[in-house]
Amino acid sequence: MNNKRFSVSGKVEIFPLDNPWVYVSVHRKFANLLKNKADRGLVPITATLGKSTWNTSLMPMGDGTQFIPLSAKIRKAEGIMVGESIRLSFALRKR
């Protein structure tokens, strides 16, 4: 499973907090499929969006789903704005 790539499509959203995260939600099926790979709720992944590839984690939303955070650096490099629909891929990485 470590070489398998997964694909996610979704809307770029922002958490309504003082220091908000920008993210894309991950379908619940991935949470169920990868829950045994989680360490303290985090699943280490390598994500790819356009020409950008970075190490990050699937992070828990608190409702059984997960999200992939999108840093300002990645959003700027790929010209991504909050509210846009994107498609990205990811693969599990070793801790």
Protein backbone atom coordinates (compact mmCIF):
# COMPACT_ATOMS: atom_id res chain seq x y z
CA MET A 1 0.00 0.00 0.00
CA ASN A 2 2.95 2.38 0.52
CA ASN A 3 3.43 2.96 -3.23
CA LYS A 4 -0.28 3.38 -3.95
CA ARG A 5 -1.41 6.89 -4.88
CA PHE A 6 -4.77 8.19 -3.80
CA SER A 7 -6.67 11.03 -5.45
CA VAL A 8 -8.76 13.70 -3.73
CA SER A 9 -11.06 16.29 -5.27
CA GLY A 10 -12.60 19.04 -3.23
CA LYS A 11 -13.13 22.67 -2.47
CA VAL A 12 -10.35 24.65 -0.78
CA GLU A 13 -11.80 25.73 2.56
CA ILE A 14 -10.75 27.72 5.60
CA PHE A 15 -11.37 26.93 9.27
CA PRO A 16 -13.14 29.80 11.07
CA LEU A 17 -10.46 30.34 13.72
CA ASP A 18 -8.21 33.24 14.74
CA ASN A 19 -5.25 31.61 12.98
CA PRO A 20 -7.10 29.60 10.33
CA TRP A 21 -5.94 26.56 8.42
CA VAL A 22 -6.59 26.36 4.70
CA TYR A 23 -7.33 22.81 3.63
CA VAL A 24 -9.09 20.35 1.36
CA SER A 25 -11.32 17.68 2.93
CA VAL A 26 -10.56 14.02 2.43
CA HIS A 27 -13.43 11.59 1.88
CA ARG A 28 -14.36 9.40 4.86
CA LYS A 29 -13.41 6.25 2.89
CA PHE A 30 -9.73 7.26 3.22
CA ALA A 31 -10.07 7.72 6.98
CA ASN A 32 -11.53 4.22 7.26
CA LEU A 33 -8.95 2.70 4.90
CA LEU A 34 -5.91 4.37 6.49
CA LYS A 35 -6.87 4.53 10.18
CA ASN A 36 -4.36 1.80 11.08
CA LYS A 37 -1.58 4.03 9.67
CA ALA A 38 -2.39 6.94 12.01
CA ASP A 39 -0.12 8.06 14.84
CA ARG A 40 -1.96 10.37 17.25
CA GLY A 41 -4.56 10.89 14.54
CA LEU A 42 -2.04 11.90 11.86
CA VAL A 43 -1.27 9.85 8.74
CA PRO A 44 2.05 10.89 7.14
CA ILE A 45 1.73 11.47 3.39
CA THR A 46 3.47 13.01 0.41
CA ALA A 47 0.99 15.21 -1.45
CA THR A 48 1.15 16.45 -5.04
CA LEU A 49 -0.82 19.36 -6.46
CA GLY A 50 0.13 20.54 -9.93
CA LYS A 51 3.94 20.83 -9.98
CA SER A 52 4.24 21.02 -6.18
CA THR A 53 5.05 18.00 -4.01
CA TRP A 54 5.43 18.23 -0.23
CA ASN A 55 5.43 16.12 2.94
CA THR A 56 2.44 16.65 5.19
CA SER A 57 -0.18 14.58 7.02
CA LEU A 58 -3.80 13.66 6.76
CA MET A 59 -5.18 15.42 9.82
CA PRO A 60 -8.37 14.61 11.76
CA MET A 61 -11.36 16.95 11.46
CA GLY A 62 -12.88 15.60 14.68
CA ASP A 63 -15.93 14.11 12.97
CA GLY A 64 -14.31 10.95 11.56
CA THR A 65 -13.08 12.66 8.41
CA GLN A 66 -9.65 14.04 7.59
CA PHE A 67 -8.15 16.98 5.74
CA ILE A 68 -4.93 17.93 3.97
CA PRO A 69 -3.57 21.34 4.96
CA LEU A 70 -2.54 23.66 2.12
CA SER A 71 0.20 26.07 3.14
CA ALA A 72 0.43 29.59 1.77
CA LYS A 73 3.62 28.55 -0.06
CA ILE A 74 1.80 25.75 -1.93
CA ARG A 75 -1.27 27.89 -2.64
CA LYS A 76 0.90 30.68 -4.04
CA ALA A 77 3.02 28.31 -6.17
CA GLU A 78 -0.10 26.74 -7.68
CA GLY A 79 -2.26 29.88 -7.85
CA ILE A 80 -4.92 28.36 -5.58
CA MET A 81 -7.53 30.49 -3.82
CA VAL A 82 -9.99 29.63 -1.05
CA GLY A 83 -13.26 28.49 -2.62
CA GLU A 84 -11.67 26.88 -5.69
CA SER A 85 -12.13 23.20 -6.49
CA ILE A 86 -8.89 21.27 -6.79
CA ARG A 87 -7.68 17.74 -7.39
CA LEU A 88 -4.56 16.45 -5.68
CA SER A 89 -2.96 13.10 -5.10
CA PHE A 90 -1.10 11.63 -2.16
CA ALA A 91 0.83 8.56 -1.13
CA LEU A 92 1.65 7.22 2.32
CA ARG A 93 5.14 7.90 3.57
CA LYS A 94 7.14 6.26 6.30
CA ARG A 95 7.40 8.09 9.62
